[in-house]
Structures are given as C-alpha cells and as structure tokens.
Amino acid sequence: MLAVYLEGIVNFVLQDGEEISVQAHEGESLLDVAWANDIDIEGACEASLACSTCHLILDEDSYGKLEEPTDEENDMLDLAFGLTDTSRLGCQVLMNKDMDGIIAKIPTMTRNAQA
C-alpha cells in the first residue's frame, strides 16, 4: 500500500517580524516543524508539557479549528509571557489538512519556570 503524506504550509512570524513559510507533514507538531527548519523556539522540556517555552500565538482562524487546550496545557500557558486569547503551546498543536496555511507568531520573550 502506498503511504500518503499530507504536506501543508506553516507561516512562522519571528520576533523581529520576519515571516518564514515552511512545509509540514500531517501529525507533526508546530514545535517539531520549527526545529526541523532551524526556527528558534526553545522547547526546554522537549515536548513533555512541563514548560511554556514553545508558546506560539496563532491566527484566529487556525486557532478556531483546534480542539480546546487540555487542563495541563492551560496550566503551562498560564506561565507564558505575553499570553493571548489565541495562545497555544507548539508541542501540542499537530498539523492536519485544516491547519494548512496556519500563522504562528513567536512571542518576543519566553519564560522558563523550570530554570
């Protein structure tokens, strides 16, 4: 059987306002997509949902397509710098066909409560 991999586009907006568009595969987290493309997102806990350093601010349309964050993710988001109504942790947002074209803004600062 032939495997089919959906590819979509993630549009990252860096701290300085530069926009970088990269391809992503279905099932990849935004954190993994960023790391695979040398986009500077810390991810201090390595996606174990124990920090907020992969905090991203999503566009409203894409945010509305996601399921609500879990209580654990909300607990970590409460620690994030610059929290907004469309904030999510990059390690918890997985690419799918509905997320093609997502805009993910990297906040100007992060807060690592683990340090």
PDB file of N, CA and C in Angstrom:
ATOM      1  N   MET A   1       0.842  -1.178   0.000  1.00  0.00           N
ATOM      2  CA  MET A   1       0.000   0.000   0.000  1.00  0.00           C
ATOM      3  C   MET A   1       0.890   1.244   0.000  1.00  0.00           C
ATOM      4  N   LEU A   2       0.499   2.215  -0.761  1.00  0.00           N
ATOM      5  CA  LEU A   2       1.254   3.455  -0.873  1.00  0.00           C
ATOM      6  C   LEU A   2       0.888   4.389   0.277  1.00  0.00           C
ATOM      7  N   ALA A   3       1.895   4.885   0.992  1.00  0.00           N
ATOM      8  CA  ALA A   3       1.652   5.833   2.084  1.00  0.00           C
ATOM      9  C   ALA A   3       1.462   7.234   1.506  1.00  0.00           C
ATOM     10  N   VAL A   4       0.512   7.949   2.033  1.00  0.00           N
ATOM     11  CA  VAL A   4       0.243   9.311   1.587  1.00  0.00           C
ATOM     12  C   VAL A   4       0.561  10.262   2.733  1.00  0.00           C
ATOM     13  N   TYR A   5       1.405  11.233   2.477  1.00  0.00           N
ATOM     14  CA  TYR A   5       1.770  12.217   3.483  1.00  0.00           C
ATOM     15  C   TYR A   5       1.250  13.580   3.046  1.00  0.00           C
ATOM     16  N   LEU A   6       0.330  14.104   3.800  1.00  0.00           N
ATOM     17  CA  LEU A   6      -0.166  15.442   3.532  1.00  0.00           C
ATOM     18  C   LEU A   6       0.919  16.441   3.880  1.00  0.00           C
ATOM     19  N   GLU A   7       1.160  17.347   2.994  1.00  0.00           N
ATOM     20  CA  GLU A   7       2.058  18.441   3.303  1.00  0.00           C
ATOM     21  C   GLU A   7       1.247  19.714   3.330  1.00  0.00           C
ATOM     22  N   GLY A   8       1.526  20.520   4.317  1.00  0.00           N
ATOM     23  CA  GLY A   8       0.868  21.809   4.448  1.00  0.00           C
ATOM     24  C   GLY A   8       1.914  22.868   4.709  1.00  0.00           C
ATOM     25  N   ILE A   9       1.458  24.092   4.768  1.00  0.00           N
ATOM     26  CA  ILE A   9       2.361  25.212   4.992  1.00  0.00           C
ATOM     27  C   ILE A   9       2.120  25.787   6.384  1.00  0.00           C
ATOM     28  N   VAL A  10       3.213  26.048   7.096  1.00  0.00           N
ATOM     29  CA  VAL A  10       3.176  26.775   8.361  1.00  0.00           C
ATOM     30  C   VAL A  10       3.902  28.091   8.123  1.00  0.00           C
ATOM     31  N   ASN A  11       3.255  29.177   8.480  1.00  0.00           N
ATOM     32  CA  ASN A  11       3.840  30.510   8.346  1.00  0.00           C
ATOM     33  C   ASN A  11       4.238  31.000   9.736  1.00  0.00           C
ATOM     34  N   PHE A  12       5.541  30.964  10.011  1.00  0.00           N
ATOM     35  CA  PHE A  12       6.044  31.450  11.290  1.00  0.00           C
ATOM     36  C   PHE A  12       6.366  32.935  11.165  1.00  0.00           C
ATOM     37  N   VAL A  13       5.987  33.702  12.172  1.00  0.00           N
ATOM     38  CA  VAL A  13       6.351  35.110  12.255  1.00  0.00           C
ATOM     39  C   VAL A  13       7.341  35.228  13.408  1.00  0.00           C
ATOM     40  N   LEU A  14       8.586  35.577  13.062  1.00  0.00           N
ATOM     41  CA  LEU A  14       9.640  35.659  14.063  1.00  0.00           C
ATOM     42  C   LEU A  14       9.496  36.894  14.939  1.00  0.00           C
ATOM     43  N   GLN A  15      10.291  36.954  16.001  1.00  0.00           N
ATOM     44  CA  GLN A  15      10.226  38.063  16.949  1.00  0.00           C
ATOM     45  C   GLN A  15      10.456  39.416  16.283  1.00  0.00           C
ATOM     46  N   ASP A  16      11.275  39.449  15.230  1.00  0.00           N
ATOM     47  CA  ASP A  16      11.574  40.708  14.546  1.00  0.00           C
ATOM     48  C   ASP A  16      10.576  41.032  13.428  1.00  0.00           C
ATOM     49  N   GLY A  17       9.536  40.190  13.288  1.00  0.00           N
ATOM     50  CA  GLY A  17       8.511  40.423  12.275  1.00  0.00           C
ATOM     51  C   GLY A  17       8.749  39.694  10.960  1.00  0.00           C
ATOM     52  N   GLU A  18       9.940  39.105  10.788  1.00  0.00           N
ATOM     53  CA  GLU A  18      10.221  38.348   9.568  1.00  0.00           C
ATOM     54  C   GLU A  18       9.290  37.146   9.485  1.00  0.00           C
ATOM     55  N   GLU A  19       8.788  36.885   8.288  1.00  0.00           N
ATOM     56  CA  GLU A  19       7.900  35.750   8.072  1.00  0.00           C
ATOM     57  C   GLU A  19       8.646  34.654   7.317  1.00  0.00           C
ATOM     58  N   ILE A  20       8.515  33.431   7.812  1.00  0.00           N
ATOM     59  CA  ILE A  20       9.142  32.275   7.176  1.00  0.00           C
ATOM     60  C   ILE A  20       8.070  31.217   6.971  1.00  0.00           C
ATOM     61  N   SER A  21       7.887  30.793   5.726  1.00  0.00           N
ATOM     62  CA  SER A  21       6.914  29.752   5.397  1.00  0.00           C
ATOM     63  C   SER A  21       7.656  28.452   5.140  1.00  0.00           C
ATOM     64  N   VAL A  22       7.200  27.386   5.802  1.00  0.00           N
ATOM     65  CA  VAL A  22       7.852  26.082   5.682  1.00  0.00           C
ATOM     66  C   VAL A  22       6.798  25.004   5.485  1.00  0.00           C
ATOM     67  N   GLN A  23       7.220  23.878   4.940  1.00  0.00           N
ATOM     68  CA  GLN A  23       6.316  22.752   4.752  1.00  0.00           C
ATOM     69  C   GLN A  23       6.290  21.897   6.008  1.00  0.00           C
ATOM     70  N   ALA A  24       5.127  21.295   6.238  1.00  0.00           N
ATOM     71  CA  ALA A  24       4.952  20.404   7.385  1.00  0.00           C
ATOM     72  C   ALA A  24       4.161  19.186   6.950  1.00  0.00           C
ATOM     73  N   HIS A  25       4.380  18.095   7.640  1.00  0.00           N
ATOM     74  CA  HIS A  25       3.656  16.860   7.357  1.00  0.00           C
ATOM     75  C   HIS A  25       2.539  16.669   8.375  1.00  0.00           C
ATOM     76  N   GLU A  26       1.511  15.989   7.952  1.00  0.00           N
ATOM     77  CA  GLU A  26       0.399  15.688   8.848  1.00  0.00           C
ATOM     78  C   GLU A  26       0.917  14.960  10.080  1.00  0.00           C
ATOM     79  N   GLY A  27       0.447  15.387  11.252  1.00  0.00           N
ATOM     80  CA  GLY A  27       0.832  14.754  12.509  1.00  0.00           C
ATOM     81  C   GLY A  27       2.030  15.381  13.191  1.00  0.00           C
ATOM     82  N   GLU A  28       2.775  16.226  12.492  1.00  0.00           N
ATOM     83  CA  GLU A  28       3.917  16.906  13.108  1.00  0.00           C
ATOM     84  C   GLU A  28       3.419  18.035  14.005  1.00  0.00           C
ATOM     85  N   SER A  29       4.081  18.221  15.139  1.00  0.00           N
ATOM     86  CA  SER A  29       3.739  19.354  15.990  1.00  0.00           C
ATOM     87  C   SER A  29       4.403  20.612  15.431  1.00  0.00           C
ATOM     88  N   LEU A  30       3.847  21.760  15.769  1.00  0.00           N
ATOM     89  CA  LEU A  30       4.461  23.020  15.326  1.00  0.00           C
ATOM     90  C   LEU A  30       5.865  23.157  15.880  1.00  0.00           C
ATOM     91  N   LEU A  31       6.108  22.634  17.082  1.00  0.00           N
ATOM     92  CA  LEU A  31       7.457  22.677  17.653  1.00  0.00           C
ATOM     93  C   LEU A  31       8.418  21.858  16.793  1.00  0.00           C
ATOM     94  N   ASP A  32       8.023  20.653  16.403  1.00  0.00           N
ATOM     95  CA  ASP A  32       8.885  19.812  15.562  1.00  0.00           C
ATOM     96  C   ASP A  32       9.128  20.451  14.198  1.00  0.00           C
ATOM     97  N   VAL A  33       8.090  21.076  13.643  1.00  0.00           N
ATOM     98  CA  VAL A  33       8.244  21.759  12.353  1.00  0.00           C
ATOM     99  C   VAL A  33       9.263  22.891  12.493  1.00  0.00           C
ATOM    100  N   ALA A  34       9.155  23.651  13.563  1.00  0.00           N
ATOM    101  CA  ALA A  34      10.107  24.752  13.793  1.00  0.00           C
ATOM    102  C   ALA A  34      11.524  24.214  13.925  1.00  0.00           C
ATOM    103  N   TRP A  35      11.712  23.212  14.767  1.00  0.00           N
ATOM    104  CA  TRP A  35      13.057  22.637  14.960  1.00  0.00           C
ATOM    105  C   TRP A  35      13.626  22.092  13.657  1.00  0.00           C
ATOM    106  N   ALA A  36      12.801  21.414  12.848  1.00  0.00           N
ATOM    107  CA  ALA A  36      13.271  20.824  11.595  1.00  0.00           C
ATOM    108  C   ALA A  36      13.708  21.887  10.591  1.00  0.00           C
ATOM    109  N   ASN A  37      13.240  23.115  10.785  1.00  0.00           N
ATOM    110  CA  ASN A  37      13.558  24.200   9.863  1.00  0.00           C
ATOM    111  C   ASN A  37      14.418  25.285  10.501  1.00  0.00           C
ATOM    112  N   ASP A  38      15.102  24.935  11.591  1.00  0.00           N
ATOM    113  CA  ASP A  38      16.023  25.848  12.287  1.00  0.00           C
ATOM    114  C   ASP A  38      15.369  27.165  12.679  1.00  0.00           C
ATOM    115  N   ILE A  39      14.110  27.089  13.092  1.00  0.00           N
ATOM    116  CA  ILE A  39      13.405  28.263  13.607  1.00  0.00           C
ATOM    117  C   ILE A  39      13.561  28.236  15.118  1.00  0.00           C
ATOM    118  N   ASP A  40      13.972  29.348  15.678  1.00  0.00           N
ATOM    119  CA  ASP A  40      14.394  29.421  17.072  1.00  0.00           C
ATOM    120  C   ASP A  40      13.212  29.450  18.044  1.00  0.00           C
ATOM    121  N   ILE A  41      12.782  28.250  18.427  1.00  0.00           N
ATOM    122  CA  ILE A  41      11.810  28.075  19.502  1.00  0.00           C
ATOM    123  C   ILE A  41      12.474  27.147  20.505  1.00  0.00           C
ATOM    124  N   GLU A  42      12.474  27.541  21.773  1.00  0.00           N
ATOM    125  CA  GLU A  42      13.258  26.805  22.762  1.00  0.00           C
ATOM    126  C   GLU A  42      12.759  25.384  23.008  1.00  0.00           C
ATOM    127  N   GLY A  43      11.549  25.207  23.487  1.00  0.00           N
ATOM    128  CA  GLY A  43      11.062  23.861  23.800  1.00  0.00           C
ATOM    129  C   GLY A  43      11.893  23.201  24.876  1.00  0.00           C
ATOM    130  N   ALA A  44      12.099  23.891  25.992  1.00  0.00           N
ATOM    131  CA  ALA A  44      13.024  23.441  27.044  1.00  0.00           C
ATOM    132  C   ALA A  44      12.693  22.062  27.601  1.00  0.00           C
ATOM    133  N   CYS A  45      11.418  21.706  27.662  1.00  0.00           N
ATOM    134  CA  CYS A  45      11.040  20.414  28.254  1.00  0.00           C
ATOM    135  C   CYS A  45      10.966  19.304  27.211  1.00  0.00           C
ATOM    136  N   GLU A  46      11.356  19.613  25.977  1.00  0.00           N
ATOM    137  CA  GLU A  46      11.359  18.653  24.874  1.00  0.00           C
ATOM    138  C   GLU A  46       9.986  18.019  24.666  1.00  0.00           C
ATOM    139  N   ALA A  47       8.957  18.857  24.692  1.00  0.00           N
ATOM    140  CA  ALA A  47       7.572  18.472  24.394  1.00  0.00           C
ATOM    141  C   ALA A  47       6.943  17.562  25.447  1.00  0.00           C
ATOM    142  N   SER A  48       7.401  17.661  26.692  1.00  0.00           N
ATOM    143  CA  SER A  48       6.810  16.844  27.757  1.00  0.00           C
ATOM    144  C   SER A  48       5.707  17.579  28.506  1.00  0.00           C
ATOM    145  N   LEU A  49       5.318  18.749  28.015  1.00  0.00           N
ATOM    146  CA  LEU A  49       4.256  19.557  28.595  1.00  0.00           C
ATOM    147  C   LEU A  49       4.595  19.979  30.029  1.00  0.00           C
ATOM    148  N   ALA A  50       5.867  20.400  30.204  1.00  0.00           N
ATOM    149  CA  ALA A  50       6.334  20.817  31.528  1.00  0.00           C
ATOM    150  C   ALA A  50       6.888  22.242  31.531  1.00  0.00           C
ATOM    151  N   CYS A  51       6.677  22.995  30.450  1.00  0.00           N
ATOM    152  CA  CYS A  51       7.138  24.386  30.401  1.00  0.00           C
ATOM    153  C   CYS A  51       6.268  25.149  29.405  1.00  0.00           C
ATOM    154  N   SER A  52       6.579  26.408  29.201  1.00  0.00           N
ATOM    155  CA  SER A  52       5.809  27.206  28.236  1.00  0.00           C
ATOM    156  C   SER A  52       6.709  27.841  27.183  1.00  0.00           C
ATOM    157  N   THR A  53       7.915  27.303  27.003  1.00  0.00           N
ATOM    158  CA  THR A  53       8.879  27.940  26.112  1.00  0.00           C
ATOM    159  C   THR A  53       8.610  27.707  24.628  1.00  0.00           C
ATOM    160  N   CYS A  54       7.616  26.896  24.288  1.00  0.00           N
ATOM    161  CA  CYS A  54       7.229  26.745  22.876  1.00  0.00           C
ATOM    162  C   CYS A  54       5.914  27.478  22.609  1.00  0.00           C
ATOM    163  N   HIS A  55       5.601  28.437  23.461  1.00  0.00           N
ATOM    164  CA  HIS A  55       4.387  29.254  23.327  1.00  0.00           C
ATOM    165  C   HIS A  55       4.367  29.940  21.964  1.00  0.00           C
ATOM    166  N   LEU A  56       3.238  29.820  21.280  1.00  0.00           N
ATOM    167  CA  LEU A  56       3.025  30.478  19.991  1.00  0.00           C
ATOM    168  C   LEU A  56       1.681  31.192  20.020  1.00  0.00           C
ATOM    169  N   ILE A  57       1.570  32.252  19.243  1.00  0.00           N
ATOM    170  CA  ILE A  57       0.317  32.976  19.104  1.00  0.00           C
ATOM    171  C   ILE A  57      -0.215  32.687  17.699  1.00  0.00           C
ATOM    172  N   LEU A  58      -1.350  32.029  17.628  1.00  0.00           N
ATOM    173  CA  LEU A  58      -1.901  31.583  16.351  1.00  0.00           C
ATOM    174  C   LEU A  58      -2.889  32.594  15.791  1.00  0.00           C
ATOM    175  N   ASP A  59      -3.075  32.538  14.469  1.00  0.00           N
ATOM    176  CA  ASP A  59      -4.111  33.368  13.860  1.00  0.00           C
ATOM    177  C   ASP A  59      -5.471  32.841  14.313  1.00  0.00           C
ATOM    178  N   GLU A  60      -6.446  33.713  14.384  1.00  0.00           N
ATOM    179  CA  GLU A  60      -7.762  33.361  14.923  1.00  0.00           C
ATOM    180  C   GLU A  60      -8.438  32.237  14.154  1.00  0.00           C
ATOM    181  N   ASP A  61      -8.329  32.241  12.827  1.00  0.00           N
ATOM    182  CA  ASP A  61      -8.969  31.213  12.021  1.00  0.00           C
ATOM    183  C   ASP A  61      -8.418  29.829  12.358  1.00  0.00           C
ATOM    184  N   SER A  62      -7.104  29.705  12.402  1.00  0.00           N
ATOM    185  CA  SER A  62      -6.487  28.411  12.717  1.00  0.00           C
ATOM    186  C   SER A  62      -6.787  27.998  14.147  1.00  0.00           C
ATOM    187  N   TYR A  63      -6.716  28.945  15.066  1.00  0.00           N
ATOM    188  CA  TYR A  63      -6.998  28.641  16.470  1.00  0.00           C
ATOM    189  C   TYR A  63      -8.402  28.060  16.616  1.00  0.00           C
ATOM    190  N   GLY A  64      -9.339  28.628  15.890  1.00  0.00           N
ATOM    191  CA  GLY A  64     -10.720  28.170  15.963  1.00  0.00           C
ATOM    192  C   GLY A  64     -10.942  26.761  15.441  1.00  0.00           C
ATOM    193  N   LYS A  65     -10.010  26.229  14.678  1.00  0.00           N
ATOM    194  CA  LYS A  65     -10.121  24.879  14.131  1.00  0.00           C
ATOM    195  C   LYS A  65      -9.582  23.817  15.085  1.00  0.00           C
ATOM    196  N   LEU A  66      -8.923  24.256  16.153  1.00  0.00           N
ATOM    197  CA  LEU A  66      -8.305  23.324  17.099  1.00  0.00           C
ATOM    198  C   LEU A  66      -9.272  22.941  18.209  1.00  0.00           C
ATOM    199  N   GLU A  67      -9.044  21.775  18.786  1.00  0.00           N
ATOM    200  CA  GLU A  67      -9.774  21.420  19.997  1.00  0.00           C
ATOM    201  C   GLU A  67      -9.275  22.314  21.125  1.00  0.00           C
ATOM    202  N   GLU A  68     -10.071  22.443  22.158  1.00  0.00           N
ATOM    203  CA  GLU A  68      -9.674  23.248  23.311  1.00  0.00           C
ATOM    204  C   GLU A  68      -8.399  22.669  23.929  1.00  0.00           C
ATOM    205  N   PRO A  69      -7.534  23.544  24.473  1.00  0.00           N
ATOM    206  CA  PRO A  69      -6.345  23.036  25.160  1.00  0.00           C
ATOM    207  C   PRO A  69      -6.746  22.189  26.373  1.00  0.00           C
ATOM    208  N   THR A  70      -5.915  21.212  26.701  1.00  0.00           N
ATOM    209  CA  THR A  70      -6.152  20.404  27.900  1.00  0.00           C
ATOM    210  C   THR A  70      -5.879  21.252  29.140  1.00  0.00           C
ATOM    211  N   ASP A  71      -6.307  20.769  30.286  1.00  0.00           N
ATOM    212  CA  ASP A  71      -6.022  21.473  31.540  1.00  0.00           C
ATOM    213  C   ASP A  71      -4.516  21.597  31.758  1.00  0.00           C
ATOM    214  N   GLU A  72      -3.765  20.547  31.391  1.00  0.00           N
ATOM    215  CA  GLU A  72      -2.311  20.573  31.556  1.00  0.00           C
ATOM    216  C   GLU A  72      -1.677  21.656  30.680  1.00  0.00           C
ATOM    217  N   GLU A  73      -2.151  21.763  29.431  1.00  0.00           N
ATOM    218  CA  GLU A  73      -1.623  22.800  28.552  1.00  0.00           C
ATOM    219  C   GLU A  73      -1.993  24.184  29.081  1.00  0.00           C
ATOM    220  N   ASN A  74      -3.220  24.363  29.537  1.00  0.00           N
ATOM    221  CA  ASN A  74      -3.630  25.648  30.101  1.00  0.00           C
ATOM    222  C   ASN A  74      -2.792  26.028  31.315  1.00  0.00           C
ATOM    223  N   ASP A  75      -2.445  25.041  32.137  1.00  0.00           N
ATOM    224  CA  ASP A  75      -1.583  25.315  33.304  1.00  0.00           C
ATOM    225  C   ASP A  75      -0.236  25.872  32.861  1.00  0.00           C
ATOM    226  N   MET A  76       0.328  25.295  31.801  1.00  0.00           N
ATOM    227  CA  MET A  76       1.621  25.779  31.301  1.00  0.00           C
ATOM    228  C   MET A  76       1.469  27.124  30.594  1.00  0.00           C
ATOM    229  N   LEU A  77       0.374  27.304  29.867  1.00  0.00           N
ATOM    230  CA  LEU A  77       0.133  28.585  29.197  1.00  0.00           C
ATOM    231  C   LEU A  77       0.023  29.725  30.207  1.00  0.00           C
ATOM    232  N   ASP A  78      -0.499  29.431  31.392  1.00  0.00           N
ATOM    233  CA  ASP A  78      -0.603  30.457  32.433  1.00  0.00           C
ATOM    234  C   ASP A  78       0.766  31.028  32.802  1.00  0.00           C
ATOM    235  N   LEU A  79       1.827  30.281  32.523  1.00  0.00           N
ATOM    236  CA  LEU A  79       3.193  30.714  32.829  1.00  0.00           C
ATOM    237  C   LEU A  79       3.842  31.465  31.665  1.00  0.00           C
ATOM    238  N   ALA A  80       3.176  31.469  30.506  1.00  0.00           N
ATOM    239  CA  ALA A  80       3.772  32.031  29.288  1.00  0.00           C
ATOM    240  C   ALA A  80       3.798  33.551  29.321  1.00  0.00           C
ATOM    241  N   PHE A  81       4.859  34.115  28.754  1.00  0.00           N
ATOM    242  CA  PHE A  81       4.976  35.563  28.598  1.00  0.00           C
ATOM    243  C   PHE A  81       4.110  36.007  27.433  1.00  0.00           C
ATOM    244  N   GLY A  82       3.338  37.065  27.606  1.00  0.00           N
ATOM    245  CA  GLY A  82       2.553  37.620  26.507  1.00  0.00           C
ATOM    246  C   GLY A  82       1.382  36.773  26.077  1.00  0.00           C
ATOM    247  N   LEU A  83       0.752  36.103  27.016  1.00  0.00           N
ATOM    248  CA  LEU A  83      -0.380  35.228  26.724  1.00  0.00           C
ATOM    249  C   LEU A  83      -1.501  36.002  26.027  1.00  0.00           C
ATOM    250  N   THR A  84      -2.105  35.386  24.998  1.00  0.00           N
ATOM    251  CA  THR A  84      -3.234  35.993  24.280  1.00  0.00           C
ATOM    252  C   THR A  84      -4.379  34.990  24.217  1.00  0.00           C
ATOM    253  N   ASP A  85      -5.506  35.419  23.659  1.00  0.00           N
ATOM    254  CA  ASP A  85      -6.663  34.534  23.505  1.00  0.00           C
ATOM    255  C   ASP A  85      -6.404  33.409  22.513  1.00  0.00           C
ATOM    256  N   THR A  86      -5.395  33.557  21.649  1.00  0.00           N
ATOM    257  CA  THR A  86      -5.092  32.517  20.651  1.00  0.00           C
ATOM    258  C   THR A  86      -3.736  31.867  20.910  1.00  0.00           C
ATOM    259  N   SER A  87      -3.279  31.900  22.150  1.00  0.00           N
ATOM    260  CA  SER A  87      -2.004  31.270  22.513  1.00  0.00           C
ATOM    261  C   SER A  87      -2.171  29.765  22.634  1.00  0.00           C
ATOM    262  N   ARG A  88      -1.166  29.048  22.152  1.00  0.00           N
ATOM    263  CA  ARG A  88      -1.082  27.595  22.311  1.00  0.00           C
ATOM    264  C   ARG A  88       0.378  27.217  22.454  1.00  0.00           C
ATOM    265  N   LEU A  89       0.620  26.035  22.979  1.00  0.00           N
ATOM    266  CA  LEU A  89       1.982  25.503  23.036  1.00  0.00           C
ATOM    267  C   LEU A  89       2.246  24.764  21.727  1.00  0.00           C
ATOM    268  N   GLY A  90       3.371  25.084  21.106  1.00  0.00           N
ATOM    269  CA  GLY A  90       3.707  24.486  19.820  1.00  0.00           C
ATOM    270  C   GLY A  90       3.812  22.977  19.853  1.00  0.00           C
ATOM    271  N   CYS A  91       4.166  22.427  21.005  1.00  0.00           N
ATOM    272  CA  CYS A  91       4.289  20.968  21.109  1.00  0.00           C
ATOM    273  C   CYS A  91       2.935  20.277  21.124  1.00  0.00           C
ATOM    274  N   GLN A  92       1.859  21.038  21.320  1.00  0.00           N
ATOM    275  CA  GLN A  92       0.523  20.455  21.433  1.00  0.00           C
ATOM    276  C   GLN A  92      -0.337  20.656  20.192  1.00  0.00           C
ATOM    277  N   VAL A  93       0.143  21.430  19.230  1.00  0.00           N
ATOM    278  CA  VAL A  93      -0.620  21.685  18.008  1.00  0.00           C
ATOM    279  C   VAL A  93      -0.060  20.804  16.898  1.00  0.00           C
ATOM    280  N   LEU A  94      -0.887  19.863  16.434  1.00  0.00           N
ATOM    281  CA  LEU A  94      -0.460  18.923  15.396  1.00  0.00           C
ATOM    282  C   LEU A  94      -1.043  19.335  14.051  1.00  0.00           C
ATOM    283  N   MET A  95      -0.214  19.252  13.032  1.00  0.00           N
ATOM    284  CA  MET A  95      -0.646  19.613  11.681  1.00  0.00           C
ATOM    285  C   MET A  95      -1.644  18.604  11.139  1.00  0.00           C
ATOM    286  N   ASN A  96      -2.633  19.137  10.432  1.00  0.00           N
ATOM    287  CA  ASN A  96      -3.572  18.332   9.667  1.00  0.00           C
ATOM    288  C   ASN A  96      -4.040  19.188   8.492  1.00  0.00           C
ATOM    289  N   LYS A  97      -4.866  18.634   7.638  1.00  0.00           N
ATOM    290  CA  LYS A  97      -5.248  19.360   6.418  1.00  0.00           C
ATOM    291  C   LYS A  97      -5.942  20.677   6.726  1.00  0.00           C
ATOM    292  N   ASP A  98      -6.656  20.763   7.835  1.00  0.00           N
ATOM    293  CA  ASP A  98      -7.338  22.008   8.197  1.00  0.00           C
ATOM    294  C   ASP A  98      -6.376  23.105   8.643  1.00  0.00           C
ATOM    295  N   MET A  99      -5.164  22.730   9.004  1.00  0.00           N
ATOM    296  CA  MET A  99      -4.198  23.697   9.521  1.00  0.00           C
ATOM    297  C   MET A  99      -3.281  24.263   8.435  1.00  0.00           C
ATOM    298  N   ASP A 100      -3.459  23.833   7.194  1.00  0.00           N
ATOM    299  CA  ASP A 100      -2.634  24.333   6.097  1.00  0.00           C
ATOM    300  C   ASP A 100      -2.755  25.857   6.021  1.00  0.00           C
ATOM    301  N   GLY A 101      -1.625  26.535   6.046  1.00  0.00           N
ATOM    302  CA  GLY A 101      -1.609  27.988   5.980  1.00  0.00           C
ATOM    303  C   GLY A 101      -1.628  28.670   7.335  1.00  0.00           C
ATOM    304  N   ILE A 102      -1.547  27.899   8.414  1.00  0.00           N
ATOM    305  CA  ILE A 102      -1.563  28.454   9.765  1.00  0.00           C
ATOM    306  C   ILE A 102      -0.485  29.525   9.927  1.00  0.00           C
ATOM    307  N   ILE A 103      -0.805  30.554  10.687  1.00  0.00           N
ATOM    308  CA  ILE A 103       0.161  31.601  11.032  1.00  0.00           C
ATOM    309  C   ILE A 103       0.468  31.455  12.511  1.00  0.00           C
ATOM    310  N   ALA A 104       1.738  31.256  12.835  1.00  0.00           N
ATOM    311  CA  ALA A 104       2.181  31.060  14.212  1.00  0.00           C
ATOM    312  C   ALA A 104       3.242  32.112  14.547  1.00  0.00           C
ATOM    313  N   LYS A 105       2.864  33.044  15.391  1.00  0.00           N
ATOM    314  CA  LYS A 105       3.773  34.124  15.787  1.00  0.00           C
ATOM    315  C   LYS A 105       4.552  33.705  17.023  1.00  0.00           C
ATOM    316  N   ILE A 106       5.861  33.913  16.962  1.00  0.00           N
ATOM    317  CA  ILE A 106       6.724  33.602  18.097  1.00  0.00           C
ATOM    318  C   ILE A 106       6.797  34.840  18.992  1.00  0.00           C
ATOM    319  N   PRO A 107       6.406  34.717  20.264  1.00  0.00           N
ATOM    320  CA  PRO A 107       6.435  35.881  21.153  1.00  0.00           C
ATOM    321  C   PRO A 107       7.841  36.457  21.287  1.00  0.00           C
ATOM    322  N   THR A 108       7.905  37.727  21.678  1.00  0.00           N
ATOM    323  CA  THR A 108       9.198  38.395  21.785  1.00  0.00           C
ATOM    324  C   THR A 108      10.051  37.861  22.919  1.00  0.00           C
ATOM    325  N   MET A 109       9.414  37.227  23.910  1.00  0.00           N
ATOM    326  CA  MET A 109      10.161  36.666  25.036  1.00  0.00           C
ATOM    327  C   MET A 109       9.510  35.343  25.450  1.00  0.00           C
ATOM    328  N   THR A 110      10.286  34.512  26.155  1.00  0.00           N
ATOM    329  CA  THR A 110       9.737  33.311  26.768  1.00  0.00           C
ATOM    330  C   THR A 110      10.070  33.341  28.238  1.00  0.00           C
ATOM    331  N   ARG A 111       9.325  32.543  28.980  1.00  0.00           N
ATOM    332  CA  ARG A 111       9.564  32.439  30.417  1.00  0.00           C
ATOM    333  C   ARG A 111       9.718  30.967  30.718  1.00  0.00           C
ATOM    334  N   ASN A 112      10.870  30.567  31.269  1.00  0.00           N
ATOM    335  CA  ASN A 112      11.125  29.174  31.590  1.00  0.00           C
ATOM    336  C   ASN A 112      11.074  28.996  33.097  1.00  0.00           C
ATOM    337  N   ALA A 113       9.964  28.472  33.591  1.00  0.00           N
ATOM    338  CA  ALA A 113       9.786  28.274  35.031  1.00  0.00           C
ATOM    339  C   ALA A 113      10.623  27.104  35.546  1.00  0.00           C
ATOM    340  N   GLN A 114      11.151  26.279  34.631  1.00  0.00           N
ATOM    341  CA  GLN A 114      11.991  25.157  35.036  1.00  0.00           C
ATOM    342  C   GLN A 114      13.383  25.614  35.450  1.00  0.00           C
ATOM    343  N   ALA A 115      13.849  26.710  34.889  1.00  0.00           N
ATOM    344  CA  ALA A 115      15.235  27.159  35.103  1.00  0.00           C
ATOM    345  C   ALA A 115      15.484  27.575  36.533  1.00  0.00           C
TER     346      ALA A 115
END
